Each structure stands twice: as C-alpha cells, then as structure tokens.
Amino acid sequence: MRKLGNLIFWTVAMTLAPAVAFAADGAGMSLGPGIGAGLAVGMAGLGCGIGQGLTAGNTTQGIARNPGAAGAMFTNFILGMVLIESIAIYGLLIAFLLMGKF
C-alpha cells in the first residue's frame, strides 16, 4: 500500500511541476491538453500492448494445436495486428491534436 501511495504522490508531483515552473512568467499554461495528450498515447499504447499480446499468444497456441491451419490463422493474425495497431495511431493523432490547443 505504501508503494502505491508513493507512486501516486510522485506522479502528481511530476505532472504539476511544469505548471509551477511556467506560472512565474504568467504564461497562462493550461494542463488539460498536455495531460489529455499523455493519457491518449499512454492508454492507447497500453490497450494495444494487451491486445497484441493476447492475439499473438492465442494464434501461436492455435497453430501449435493445429499446424495444418497455420496459413489461415497467420492471415487473420496479421489482419488483427494491423487493426490493433491502428488504435495506437489514433491515440497518437489525438495527442497531436490536443497539443495544438496550447
């Protein structure tokens, strides 16, 4: 429990550090778009990593159980990986759009 509290404290501290640094010159920096961009890329990457891991593991398991169906499974595997990776690209696009709001 102590590690989780430590993690949350330092995450919040490092997130707010740039706002404190830029507050002195009165630039009026907003944290919303920066945090949103970071969350968009982070959550998209996390979701894609989980999806790709599950897809690769299940395809490998399917090919190991039925080697004769490897060609059809591999085609579906590649198509699934492409569709999963497009989610990460959408997250990156959203981050770029949010960073343009500064």
Protein backbone atom coordinates (compact mmCIF):
# COMPACT_ATOMS: atom_id res chain seq x y z
CA MET A 1 0.00 0.00 0.00
CA ARG A 2 2.90 2.31 0.74
CA LYS A 3 4.35 1.79 -2.76
CA LEU A 4 1.02 2.71 -4.37
CA GLY A 5 0.79 5.89 -2.32
CA ASN A 6 4.37 6.75 -3.23
CA LEU A 7 3.64 6.17 -6.91
CA ILE A 8 0.54 8.36 -6.85
CA PHE A 9 2.33 11.16 -4.98
CA TRP A 10 5.28 11.28 -7.39
CA THR A 11 3.04 11.02 -10.44
CA VAL A 12 1.01 14.02 -9.31
CA ALA A 13 4.16 15.92 -8.30
CA MET A 14 5.85 15.38 -11.68
CA THR A 15 2.65 16.23 -13.54
CA LEU A 16 2.27 19.56 -11.74
CA ALA A 17 5.96 20.54 -11.79
CA PRO A 18 5.83 22.18 -15.26
CA ALA A 19 2.76 24.19 -14.27
CA VAL A 20 4.57 25.58 -11.25
CA ALA A 21 7.64 26.42 -13.34
CA PHE A 22 5.65 28.27 -16.01
CA ALA A 23 3.35 30.02 -13.53
CA ALA A 24 6.06 32.55 -12.62
CA ASP A 25 6.09 34.26 -16.02
CA GLY A 26 2.28 34.44 -16.27
CA ALA A 27 2.13 32.45 -19.47
CA GLY A 28 -1.28 31.06 -18.52
CA MET A 29 -0.34 27.49 -19.38
CA SER A 30 -3.21 25.03 -19.18
CA LEU A 31 -2.53 21.49 -18.03
CA GLY A 32 -5.61 19.98 -19.64
CA PRO A 33 -4.35 19.41 -23.20
CA GLY A 34 -0.95 18.12 -22.02
CA ILE A 35 -2.43 15.64 -19.59
CA GLY A 36 -5.02 14.60 -22.17
CA ALA A 37 -2.34 14.04 -24.79
CA GLY A 38 -0.27 11.96 -22.40
CA LEU A 39 -3.28 9.89 -21.40
CA ALA A 40 -4.32 9.39 -25.03
CA VAL A 41 -0.95 7.97 -26.03
CA GLY A 42 -0.49 6.03 -22.79
CA MET A 43 -3.89 4.38 -22.74
CA ALA A 44 -3.79 3.61 -26.47
CA GLY A 45 -0.35 2.04 -26.06
CA LEU A 46 -1.48 0.03 -23.05
CA GLY A 47 -4.56 -1.26 -24.81
CA CYS A 48 -2.62 -2.13 -27.95
CA GLY A 49 0.07 -3.93 -25.98
CA ILE A 50 -2.50 -6.07 -24.21
CA GLY A 51 -4.40 -6.76 -27.43
CA GLN A 52 -1.30 -7.68 -29.39
CA GLY A 53 -0.06 -9.95 -26.62
CA LEU A 54 -3.35 -11.81 -26.44
CA THR A 55 -3.57 -12.08 -30.22
CA ALA A 56 -0.03 -13.38 -30.64
CA GLY A 57 -0.39 -15.84 -27.77
CA ASN A 58 -3.70 -17.25 -28.96
CA THR A 59 -2.51 -17.52 -32.57
CA THR A 60 0.63 -19.37 -31.50
CA GLN A 61 -1.44 -21.67 -29.35
CA GLY A 62 -3.85 -22.33 -32.23
CA ILE A 63 -1.04 -23.11 -34.66
CA ALA A 64 0.56 -25.44 -32.11
CA ARG A 65 -2.71 -27.35 -31.74
CA ASN A 66 -3.49 -27.49 -35.46
CA PRO A 67 -0.43 -26.93 -37.67
CA GLY A 68 -2.47 -27.55 -40.83
CA ALA A 69 -4.45 -24.35 -40.29
CA ALA A 70 -1.36 -22.19 -39.89
CA GLY A 71 -1.84 -20.35 -43.22
CA ALA A 72 -5.38 -19.19 -42.46
CA MET A 73 -4.51 -18.34 -38.87
CA PHE A 74 -1.46 -16.34 -39.92
CA THR A 75 -3.53 -14.25 -42.34
CA ASN A 76 -6.06 -13.46 -39.64
CA PHE A 77 -3.22 -12.77 -37.20
CA ILE A 78 -1.65 -10.16 -39.48
CA LEU A 79 -5.02 -8.52 -40.14
CA GLY A 80 -5.76 -8.42 -36.41
CA MET A 81 -2.36 -6.90 -35.62
CA VAL A 82 -2.90 -4.17 -38.21
CA LEU A 83 -6.29 -3.29 -36.77
CA ILE A 84 -4.94 -3.28 -33.21
CA GLU A 85 -2.01 -1.05 -34.21
CA SER A 86 -4.39 1.44 -35.81
CA ILE A 87 -5.74 2.17 -32.32
CA ALA A 88 -2.29 3.32 -31.23
CA ILE A 89 -2.07 5.57 -34.29
CA TYR A 90 -5.47 7.10 -33.41
CA GLY A 91 -4.18 7.78 -29.90
CA LEU A 92 -1.10 9.50 -31.32
CA LEU A 93 -3.28 11.56 -33.66
CA ILE A 94 -5.47 12.65 -30.74
CA ALA A 95 -2.35 13.62 -28.79
CA PHE A 96 -1.10 15.76 -31.68
CA LEU A 97 -4.49 17.45 -31.97
CA LEU A 98 -4.56 18.17 -28.24
CA MET A 99 -1.01 19.53 -28.26
CA GLY A 100 -2.13 22.03 -30.90
CA LYS A 101 -4.51 23.54 -28.32
CA PHE A 102 -1.70 25.24 -26.36
